[in-house]
Amino acid sequence: MKLAVETDAANAQRYQTAFDAATKELGIADKPFTLWLTFTHEPPEIDFVDDKGFALRVEGGATFNDITDGYVRMTLNTYKLKCTCRGCREATKNSDLISVFCHEMAHVKQLVTGELSRESATGLWWHGKLYDPLPDYEDMPWEHDADALHAKLYPKVLAALGG
């Protein structure tokens, strides 16, 4: 896999290191896809903001549609409740956002290996089973899998980052 990241040079190197460690640990380094990673600073378009105020927005259908063209798109949202813009800019270097990145890399693995796919306008396929309509977030089996992968991945990525 390759990484295309839209950010400053120092942050790009940080995420390249995180990406390299994550793809190696997840066993997807040789997959013929490019992860297009961007950052935004706007109120989240989803209802989920974690307990630290970070939100992650994966670009809706584009994440699934672009995969056939060799791209997976991820947007990390540095919007944080009750913070200053400078603080949010600094959050892109924060290990909490690296944690979110690791969780979403688990979903990237699910996508590029075919475990998770969108072949329905309103649902998702997980290990050959169609979930349509989608279950509540806490009942989504791909989220349980991502949480388990994150628990193994996050410490290794932090170690690769020297932290």
N, C-alpha and C. Protein backbone atom coordinates (compact mmCIF):
# COMPACT_ATOMS: atom_id res chain seq x y z
N MET A 1 0.84 -1.19 0.00
CA MET A 1 0.00 0.00 0.00
C MET A 1 0.88 1.24 0.00
N LYS A 2 0.30 2.31 -0.51
CA LYS A 2 0.98 3.60 -0.51
C LYS A 2 0.13 4.59 0.26
N LEU A 3 0.77 5.65 0.72
CA LEU A 3 0.08 6.72 1.42
C LEU A 3 0.23 8.01 0.65
N ALA A 4 -0.89 8.68 0.42
CA ALA A 4 -0.89 10.05 -0.10
C ALA A 4 -1.53 10.89 0.99
N VAL A 5 -0.78 11.84 1.53
CA VAL A 5 -1.29 12.61 2.67
C VAL A 5 -1.21 14.10 2.35
N GLU A 6 -2.25 14.80 2.71
CA GLU A 6 -2.31 16.25 2.50
C GLU A 6 -2.17 16.96 3.83
N THR A 7 -0.93 17.36 4.15
CA THR A 7 -0.65 18.07 5.38
C THR A 7 0.77 18.63 5.27
N ASP A 8 1.24 19.29 6.33
CA ASP A 8 2.60 19.83 6.30
C ASP A 8 3.63 18.69 6.33
N ALA A 9 4.86 19.02 5.99
CA ALA A 9 5.91 18.00 5.84
C ALA A 9 6.16 17.21 7.12
N ALA A 10 6.21 17.87 8.27
CA ALA A 10 6.47 17.17 9.53
C ALA A 10 5.34 16.20 9.86
N ASN A 11 4.11 16.65 9.68
CA ASN A 11 2.96 15.80 9.96
C ASN A 11 2.88 14.67 8.94
N ALA A 12 3.23 14.95 7.70
CA ALA A 12 3.23 13.92 6.66
C ALA A 12 4.20 12.80 7.03
N GLN A 13 5.39 13.16 7.52
CA GLN A 13 6.36 12.14 7.90
C GLN A 13 5.85 11.33 9.09
N ARG A 14 5.21 11.99 10.05
CA ARG A 14 4.65 11.29 11.20
C ARG A 14 3.61 10.26 10.76
N TYR A 15 2.73 10.66 9.87
CA TYR A 15 1.69 9.73 9.42
C TYR A 15 2.25 8.67 8.47
N GLN A 16 3.31 8.98 7.74
CA GLN A 16 3.95 7.95 6.91
C GLN A 16 4.53 6.87 7.81
N THR A 17 5.17 7.27 8.90
CA THR A 17 5.72 6.31 9.86
C THR A 17 4.61 5.47 10.48
N ALA A 18 3.52 6.12 10.88
CA ALA A 18 2.37 5.41 11.46
C ALA A 18 1.76 4.45 10.44
N PHE A 19 1.62 4.92 9.21
CA PHE A 19 1.05 4.11 8.13
C PHE A 19 1.92 2.88 7.86
N ASP A 20 3.24 3.08 7.77
CA ASP A 20 4.14 1.97 7.51
C ASP A 20 4.04 0.91 8.61
N ALA A 21 4.03 1.36 9.86
CA ALA A 21 3.91 0.42 10.98
C ALA A 21 2.56 -0.29 10.96
N ALA A 22 1.50 0.45 10.67
CA ALA A 22 0.15 -0.13 10.67
C ALA A 22 -0.02 -1.15 9.56
N THR A 23 0.39 -0.81 8.34
CA THR A 23 0.20 -1.74 7.22
C THR A 23 1.03 -3.01 7.42
N LYS A 24 2.21 -2.87 7.99
CA LYS A 24 3.03 -4.04 8.28
C LYS A 24 2.35 -4.93 9.31
N GLU A 25 1.90 -4.31 10.42
CA GLU A 25 1.26 -5.07 11.50
C GLU A 25 -0.04 -5.73 11.03
N LEU A 26 -0.79 -5.05 10.17
CA LEU A 26 -2.07 -5.58 9.68
C LEU A 26 -1.90 -6.55 8.52
N GLY A 27 -0.69 -6.69 8.01
CA GLY A 27 -0.44 -7.62 6.92
C GLY A 27 -0.98 -7.16 5.57
N ILE A 28 -1.06 -5.83 5.38
CA ILE A 28 -1.62 -5.31 4.13
C ILE A 28 -0.64 -4.42 3.38
N ALA A 29 0.63 -4.44 3.77
CA ALA A 29 1.62 -3.57 3.14
C ALA A 29 1.75 -3.83 1.64
N ASP A 30 1.48 -5.07 1.20
CA ASP A 30 1.65 -5.42 -0.21
C ASP A 30 0.37 -5.25 -1.03
N LYS A 31 -0.70 -4.76 -0.43
CA LYS A 31 -1.96 -4.58 -1.17
C LYS A 31 -1.82 -3.44 -2.17
N PRO A 32 -2.43 -3.57 -3.36
CA PRO A 32 -2.25 -2.57 -4.42
C PRO A 32 -3.23 -1.39 -4.30
N PHE A 33 -3.24 -0.75 -3.16
CA PHE A 33 -4.12 0.38 -2.92
C PHE A 33 -3.32 1.57 -2.42
N THR A 34 -3.90 2.74 -2.55
CA THR A 34 -3.34 3.96 -1.99
C THR A 34 -4.34 4.52 -1.00
N LEU A 35 -3.88 4.82 0.20
CA LEU A 35 -4.71 5.50 1.19
C LEU A 35 -4.50 6.99 1.00
N TRP A 36 -5.58 7.70 0.75
CA TRP A 36 -5.54 9.15 0.59
C TRP A 36 -6.01 9.75 1.91
N LEU A 37 -5.07 10.28 2.69
CA LEU A 37 -5.35 10.80 4.03
C LEU A 37 -5.36 12.32 3.99
N THR A 38 -6.47 12.89 4.43
CA THR A 38 -6.59 14.34 4.52
C THR A 38 -7.03 14.71 5.93
N PHE A 39 -6.87 15.97 6.26
CA PHE A 39 -7.29 16.49 7.55
C PHE A 39 -8.27 17.62 7.33
N THR A 40 -9.21 17.74 8.23
CA THR A 40 -10.15 18.84 8.16
C THR A 40 -10.36 19.39 9.56
N HIS A 41 -10.87 20.59 9.64
CA HIS A 41 -11.19 21.22 10.91
C HIS A 41 -12.57 21.84 10.77
N GLU A 42 -13.56 21.02 10.96
CA GLU A 42 -14.94 21.49 10.86
C GLU A 42 -15.81 20.63 11.75
N PRO A 43 -16.97 21.14 12.11
CA PRO A 43 -17.86 20.31 12.94
C PRO A 43 -18.11 18.97 12.25
N PRO A 44 -18.10 17.89 13.01
CA PRO A 44 -18.25 16.57 12.40
C PRO A 44 -19.58 16.42 11.68
N GLU A 45 -19.57 15.67 10.59
CA GLU A 45 -20.77 15.38 9.84
C GLU A 45 -21.44 14.11 10.34
N ILE A 46 -20.89 13.53 11.39
CA ILE A 46 -21.48 12.35 11.99
C ILE A 46 -21.80 12.67 13.43
N ASP A 47 -22.57 11.81 14.05
CA ASP A 47 -23.01 12.06 15.42
C ASP A 47 -22.00 11.63 16.46
N PHE A 48 -20.93 10.97 16.06
CA PHE A 48 -19.99 10.41 17.03
C PHE A 48 -18.80 11.35 17.26
N VAL A 49 -18.62 11.75 18.49
CA VAL A 49 -17.41 12.45 18.92
C VAL A 49 -16.95 11.70 20.16
N ASP A 50 -15.69 11.28 20.18
CA ASP A 50 -15.25 10.46 21.30
C ASP A 50 -15.12 11.29 22.58
N ASP A 51 -14.78 10.61 23.67
CA ASP A 51 -14.75 11.27 24.97
C ASP A 51 -13.68 12.35 25.08
N LYS A 52 -12.76 12.41 24.15
CA LYS A 52 -11.76 13.47 24.14
C LYS A 52 -12.14 14.59 23.18
N GLY A 53 -13.30 14.45 22.54
CA GLY A 53 -13.78 15.49 21.65
C GLY A 53 -13.31 15.35 20.22
N PHE A 54 -12.65 14.25 19.87
CA PHE A 54 -12.20 14.05 18.50
C PHE A 54 -13.27 13.33 17.70
N ALA A 55 -13.35 13.66 16.45
CA ALA A 55 -14.29 12.98 15.56
C ALA A 55 -13.51 12.49 14.36
N LEU A 56 -13.97 11.40 13.81
CA LEU A 56 -13.38 10.93 12.57
C LEU A 56 -14.47 10.86 11.53
N ARG A 57 -14.20 11.40 10.37
CA ARG A 57 -15.15 11.31 9.29
C ARG A 57 -14.50 10.56 8.14
N VAL A 58 -15.02 9.41 7.84
CA VAL A 58 -14.61 8.71 6.63
C VAL A 58 -15.57 9.18 5.56
N GLU A 59 -15.05 9.57 4.42
CA GLU A 59 -15.82 10.22 3.38
C GLU A 59 -16.90 9.31 2.80
N GLY A 60 -17.98 9.15 3.50
CA GLY A 60 -19.18 8.45 3.04
C GLY A 60 -18.91 7.34 2.03
N GLY A 61 -19.67 7.37 0.94
CA GLY A 61 -19.56 6.35 -0.08
C GLY A 61 -18.24 6.37 -0.81
N ALA A 62 -17.52 7.49 -0.82
CA ALA A 62 -16.27 7.56 -1.56
C ALA A 62 -15.26 6.55 -1.05
N THR A 63 -15.30 6.26 0.24
CA THR A 63 -14.38 5.27 0.80
C THR A 63 -14.56 3.94 0.08
N PHE A 64 -15.78 3.57 -0.19
CA PHE A 64 -16.07 2.29 -0.81
C PHE A 64 -16.00 2.39 -2.33
N ASN A 65 -16.49 3.48 -2.91
CA ASN A 65 -16.48 3.61 -4.36
C ASN A 65 -15.07 3.72 -4.90
N ASP A 66 -14.20 4.48 -4.21
CA ASP A 66 -12.85 4.71 -4.70
C ASP A 66 -11.98 3.47 -4.59
N ILE A 67 -12.36 2.52 -3.76
CA ILE A 67 -11.49 1.37 -3.57
C ILE A 67 -11.33 0.59 -4.87
N THR A 68 -12.33 0.59 -5.72
CA THR A 68 -12.20 -0.12 -6.99
C THR A 68 -11.22 0.59 -7.92
N ASP A 69 -10.98 1.86 -7.69
CA ASP A 69 -10.01 2.61 -8.47
C ASP A 69 -8.63 2.60 -7.82
N GLY A 70 -8.48 1.81 -6.77
CA GLY A 70 -7.19 1.70 -6.12
C GLY A 70 -6.97 2.66 -4.97
N TYR A 71 -8.01 3.40 -4.58
CA TYR A 71 -7.88 4.37 -3.51
C TYR A 71 -8.86 4.08 -2.38
N VAL A 72 -8.40 4.31 -1.18
CA VAL A 72 -9.26 4.35 0.00
C VAL A 72 -9.07 5.73 0.58
N ARG A 73 -10.16 6.42 0.90
CA ARG A 73 -10.07 7.80 1.38
C ARG A 73 -10.39 7.85 2.87
N MET A 74 -9.54 8.57 3.63
CA MET A 74 -9.77 8.77 5.06
C MET A 74 -9.54 10.25 5.36
N THR A 75 -10.50 10.86 6.07
CA THR A 75 -10.33 12.23 6.52
C THR A 75 -10.36 12.24 8.04
N LEU A 76 -9.27 12.68 8.64
CA LEU A 76 -9.24 12.83 10.09
C LEU A 76 -9.68 14.24 10.42
N ASN A 77 -10.66 14.35 11.28
CA ASN A 77 -11.23 15.64 11.64
C ASN A 77 -10.64 16.11 12.96
N THR A 78 -9.93 17.23 12.92
CA THR A 78 -9.30 17.75 14.13
C THR A 78 -10.20 18.69 14.91
N TYR A 79 -11.46 18.74 14.54
CA TYR A 79 -12.41 19.56 15.27
C TYR A 79 -12.53 19.02 16.69
N LYS A 80 -12.34 19.87 17.67
CA LYS A 80 -12.44 19.45 19.06
C LYS A 80 -13.34 20.43 19.78
N LEU A 81 -14.25 19.91 20.56
CA LEU A 81 -15.18 20.77 21.27
C LEU A 81 -14.45 21.69 22.24
N LYS A 82 -14.82 22.95 22.26
CA LYS A 82 -14.28 23.94 23.20
C LYS A 82 -12.76 24.08 23.11
N CYS A 83 -12.22 24.14 21.92
CA CYS A 83 -10.78 24.32 21.80
C CYS A 83 -10.48 25.50 20.88
N THR A 84 -9.23 25.91 20.89
CA THR A 84 -8.81 26.98 20.00
C THR A 84 -8.36 26.37 18.68
N CYS A 85 -8.34 27.15 17.63
CA CYS A 85 -7.87 26.64 16.34
C CYS A 85 -6.43 26.15 16.44
N ARG A 86 -5.60 26.88 17.16
CA ARG A 86 -4.21 26.45 17.31
C ARG A 86 -4.17 25.08 17.99
N GLY A 87 -4.99 24.91 19.01
CA GLY A 87 -5.05 23.62 19.69
C GLY A 87 -5.48 22.50 18.78
N CYS A 88 -6.42 22.79 17.91
CA CYS A 88 -6.87 21.77 16.96
C CYS A 88 -5.79 21.44 15.96
N ARG A 89 -5.06 22.45 15.52
CA ARG A 89 -3.96 22.17 14.58
C ARG A 89 -2.92 21.28 15.25
N GLU A 90 -2.67 21.54 16.52
CA GLU A 90 -1.71 20.72 17.25
C GLU A 90 -2.23 19.31 17.46
N ALA A 91 -3.56 19.13 17.45
CA ALA A 91 -4.14 17.81 17.69
C ALA A 91 -3.74 16.81 16.61
N THR A 92 -3.38 17.28 15.42
CA THR A 92 -2.96 16.34 14.37
C THR A 92 -1.66 15.66 14.74
N LYS A 93 -0.95 16.19 15.72
CA LYS A 93 0.28 15.56 16.20
C LYS A 93 0.04 14.78 17.50
N ASN A 94 -1.19 14.83 17.99
CA ASN A 94 -1.54 14.25 19.27
C ASN A 94 -1.74 12.74 19.15
N SER A 95 -1.31 11.98 20.15
CA SER A 95 -1.46 10.53 20.11
C SER A 95 -2.93 10.12 20.09
N ASP A 96 -3.85 10.97 20.59
CA ASP A 96 -5.27 10.61 20.53
C ASP A 96 -5.74 10.51 19.09
N LEU A 97 -5.25 11.40 18.24
CA LEU A 97 -5.62 11.33 16.82
C LEU A 97 -4.92 10.15 16.15
N ILE A 98 -3.73 9.81 16.59
CA ILE A 98 -3.06 8.60 16.09
C ILE A 98 -3.89 7.38 16.48
N SER A 99 -4.49 7.39 17.65
CA SER A 99 -5.35 6.30 18.07
C SER A 99 -6.54 6.16 17.12
N VAL A 100 -7.16 7.27 16.77
CA VAL A 100 -8.28 7.24 15.82
C VAL A 100 -7.78 6.71 14.47
N PHE A 101 -6.61 7.18 14.05
CA PHE A 101 -6.01 6.71 12.80
C PHE A 101 -5.85 5.18 12.83
N CYS A 102 -5.39 4.64 13.94
CA CYS A 102 -5.20 3.19 14.05
C CYS A 102 -6.53 2.44 13.94
N HIS A 103 -7.56 2.95 14.59
CA HIS A 103 -8.87 2.32 14.49
C HIS A 103 -9.34 2.32 13.03
N GLU A 104 -9.17 3.44 12.37
CA GLU A 104 -9.62 3.53 10.97
C GLU A 104 -8.74 2.69 10.05
N MET A 105 -7.46 2.52 10.39
CA MET A 105 -6.62 1.62 9.60
C MET A 105 -7.12 0.19 9.69
N ALA A 106 -7.72 -0.18 10.82
CA ALA A 106 -8.35 -1.49 10.92
C ALA A 106 -9.47 -1.62 9.89
N HIS A 107 -10.24 -0.56 9.69
CA HIS A 107 -11.28 -0.58 8.67
C HIS A 107 -10.67 -0.62 7.26
N VAL A 108 -9.56 0.07 7.07
CA VAL A 108 -8.87 0.00 5.78
C VAL A 108 -8.50 -1.45 5.49
N LYS A 109 -7.96 -2.14 6.49
CA LYS A 109 -7.63 -3.57 6.32
C LYS A 109 -8.86 -4.37 5.94
N GLN A 110 -9.99 -4.10 6.63
CA GLN A 110 -11.22 -4.82 6.32
C GLN A 110 -11.65 -4.59 4.87
N LEU A 111 -11.49 -3.36 4.40
CA LEU A 111 -11.88 -3.01 3.04
C LEU A 111 -10.98 -3.66 1.99
N VAL A 112 -9.67 -3.53 2.16
CA VAL A 112 -8.76 -4.01 1.11
C VAL A 112 -8.64 -5.53 1.08
N THR A 113 -9.05 -6.21 2.15
CA THR A 113 -9.06 -7.67 2.15
C THR A 113 -10.42 -8.23 1.77
N GLY A 114 -11.42 -7.36 1.61
CA GLY A 114 -12.74 -7.81 1.21
C GLY A 114 -13.62 -8.28 2.35
N GLU A 115 -13.15 -8.15 3.58
CA GLU A 115 -13.99 -8.54 4.72
C GLU A 115 -15.21 -7.64 4.83
N LEU A 116 -15.03 -6.36 4.50
CA LEU A 116 -16.09 -5.36 4.58
C LEU A 116 -16.22 -4.72 3.21
N SER A 117 -17.45 -4.60 2.73
CA SER A 117 -17.67 -3.97 1.43
C SER A 117 -19.07 -3.38 1.36
N ARG A 118 -19.21 -2.47 0.41
CA ARG A 118 -20.53 -1.87 0.16
C ARG A 118 -20.94 -2.29 -1.24
N GLU A 119 -21.90 -3.18 -1.28
CA GLU A 119 -22.46 -3.60 -2.57
C GLU A 119 -23.97 -3.38 -2.54
N SER A 120 -24.39 -2.58 -1.60
CA SER A 120 -25.79 -2.25 -1.42
C SER A 120 -25.87 -0.75 -1.19
N ALA A 121 -26.91 -0.12 -1.66
CA ALA A 121 -27.04 1.33 -1.51
C ALA A 121 -27.19 1.74 -0.05
N THR A 122 -27.74 0.88 0.79
CA THR A 122 -28.01 1.26 2.17
C THR A 122 -27.34 0.39 3.22
N GLY A 123 -26.68 -0.67 2.81
CA GLY A 123 -26.10 -1.58 3.78
C GLY A 123 -24.64 -1.88 3.50
N LEU A 124 -24.09 -2.74 4.34
CA LEU A 124 -22.70 -3.19 4.20
C LEU A 124 -22.65 -4.71 4.27
N TRP A 125 -21.69 -5.27 3.57
CA TRP A 125 -21.41 -6.70 3.65
C TRP A 125 -20.25 -6.91 4.60
N TRP A 126 -20.41 -7.83 5.53
CA TRP A 126 -19.34 -8.20 6.46
C TRP A 126 -19.21 -9.71 6.43
N HIS A 127 -18.06 -10.21 5.97
CA HIS A 127 -17.80 -11.64 5.87
C HIS A 127 -18.94 -12.37 5.16
N GLY A 128 -19.42 -11.78 4.07
CA GLY A 128 -20.43 -12.43 3.24
C GLY A 128 -21.87 -12.26 3.70
N LYS A 129 -22.09 -11.55 4.79
CA LYS A 129 -23.45 -11.33 5.29
C LYS A 129 -23.83 -9.87 5.09
N LEU A 130 -24.98 -9.64 4.48
CA LEU A 130 -25.47 -8.29 4.24
C LEU A 130 -26.14 -7.75 5.49
N TYR A 131 -25.72 -6.56 5.91
CA TYR A 131 -26.35 -5.84 7.02
C TYR A 131 -27.09 -4.66 6.42
N ASP A 132 -28.38 -4.83 6.22
CA ASP A 132 -29.22 -3.81 5.61
C ASP A 132 -30.64 -3.98 6.15
N PRO A 133 -31.05 -3.09 7.02
CA PRO A 133 -30.42 -1.83 7.41
C PRO A 133 -29.24 -2.08 8.35
N LEU A 134 -28.44 -1.04 8.51
CA LEU A 134 -27.28 -1.14 9.39
C LEU A 134 -27.73 -1.25 10.84
N PRO A 135 -27.06 -2.08 11.63
CA PRO A 135 -27.39 -2.15 13.07
C PRO A 135 -26.88 -0.90 13.78
N ASP A 136 -27.25 -0.75 15.04
CA ASP A 136 -26.70 0.32 15.86
C ASP A 136 -25.19 0.17 15.92
N TYR A 137 -24.49 1.29 16.09
CA TYR A 137 -23.03 1.30 16.08
C TYR A 137 -22.44 0.22 16.99
N GLU A 138 -22.95 0.11 18.21
CA GLU A 138 -22.37 -0.83 19.17
C GLU A 138 -22.64 -2.29 18.79
N ASP A 139 -23.51 -2.53 17.81
CA ASP A 139 -23.80 -3.89 17.36
C ASP A 139 -23.14 -4.24 16.03
N MET A 140 -22.36 -3.34 15.46
CA MET A 140 -21.71 -3.59 14.17
C MET A 140 -20.51 -4.51 14.37
N PRO A 141 -20.52 -5.70 13.78
CA PRO A 141 -19.41 -6.63 14.01
C PRO A 141 -18.07 -6.11 13.48
N TRP A 142 -18.08 -5.30 12.43
CA TRP A 142 -16.82 -4.74 11.90
C TRP A 142 -16.23 -3.73 12.87
N GLU A 143 -17.05 -3.10 13.69
CA GLU A 143 -16.53 -2.20 14.72
C GLU A 143 -15.89 -2.98 15.86
N HIS A 144 -16.49 -4.11 16.23
CA HIS A 144 -15.89 -4.97 17.26
C HIS A 144 -14.53 -5.48 16.79
N ASP A 145 -14.47 -5.87 15.52
CA ASP A 145 -13.21 -6.34 14.94
C ASP A 145 -12.18 -5.21 14.92
N ALA A 146 -12.61 -4.01 14.52
CA ALA A 146 -11.70 -2.85 14.48
C ALA A 146 -11.18 -2.52 15.88
N ASP A 147 -12.03 -2.64 16.88
CA ASP A 147 -11.59 -2.38 18.25
C ASP A 147 -10.52 -3.38 18.68
N ALA A 148 -10.72 -4.65 18.34
CA ALA A 148 -9.74 -5.68 18.70
C ALA A 148 -8.42 -5.45 17.96
N LEU A 149 -8.49 -5.11 16.68
CA LEU A 149 -7.28 -4.83 15.92
C LEU A 149 -6.57 -3.59 16.46
N HIS A 150 -7.35 -2.58 16.82
CA HIS A 150 -6.78 -1.34 17.37
C HIS A 150 -5.99 -1.63 18.64
N ALA A 151 -6.51 -2.49 19.49
CA ALA A 151 -5.83 -2.81 20.76
C ALA A 151 -4.43 -3.37 20.53
N LYS A 152 -4.24 -4.11 19.44
CA LYS A 152 -2.92 -4.66 19.11
C LYS A 152 -2.08 -3.65 18.33
N LEU A 153 -2.73 -2.89 17.48
CA LEU A 153 -2.03 -2.00 16.55
C LEU A 153 -1.50 -0.73 17.20
N TYR A 154 -2.31 -0.08 18.02
CA TYR A 154 -1.97 1.22 18.58
C TYR A 154 -0.64 1.24 19.32
N PRO A 155 -0.35 0.28 20.22
CA PRO A 155 0.95 0.32 20.91
C PRO A 155 2.13 0.17 19.94
N LYS A 156 1.96 -0.61 18.89
CA LYS A 156 3.05 -0.81 17.92
C LYS A 156 3.29 0.46 17.10
N VAL A 157 2.20 1.14 16.74
CA VAL A 157 2.35 2.38 15.99
C VAL A 157 2.99 3.45 16.87
N LEU A 158 2.56 3.54 18.12
CA LEU A 158 3.19 4.50 19.04
C LEU A 158 4.67 4.21 19.21
N ALA A 159 5.03 2.94 19.31
CA ALA A 159 6.44 2.58 19.44
C ALA A 159 7.23 3.00 18.20
N ALA A 160 6.63 2.81 17.03
CA ALA A 160 7.30 3.21 15.79
C ALA A 160 7.50 4.72 15.73
N LEU A 161 6.58 5.46 16.38
CA LEU A 161 6.66 6.92 16.42
C LEU A 161 7.60 7.41 17.54
N GLY A 162 8.13 6.46 18.30
CA GLY A 162 9.05 6.83 19.39
C GLY A 162 8.35 7.24 20.65
N GLY A 163 7.08 6.85 20.80
CA GLY A 163 6.32 7.31 21.97
C GLY A 163 5.78 6.26 22.81
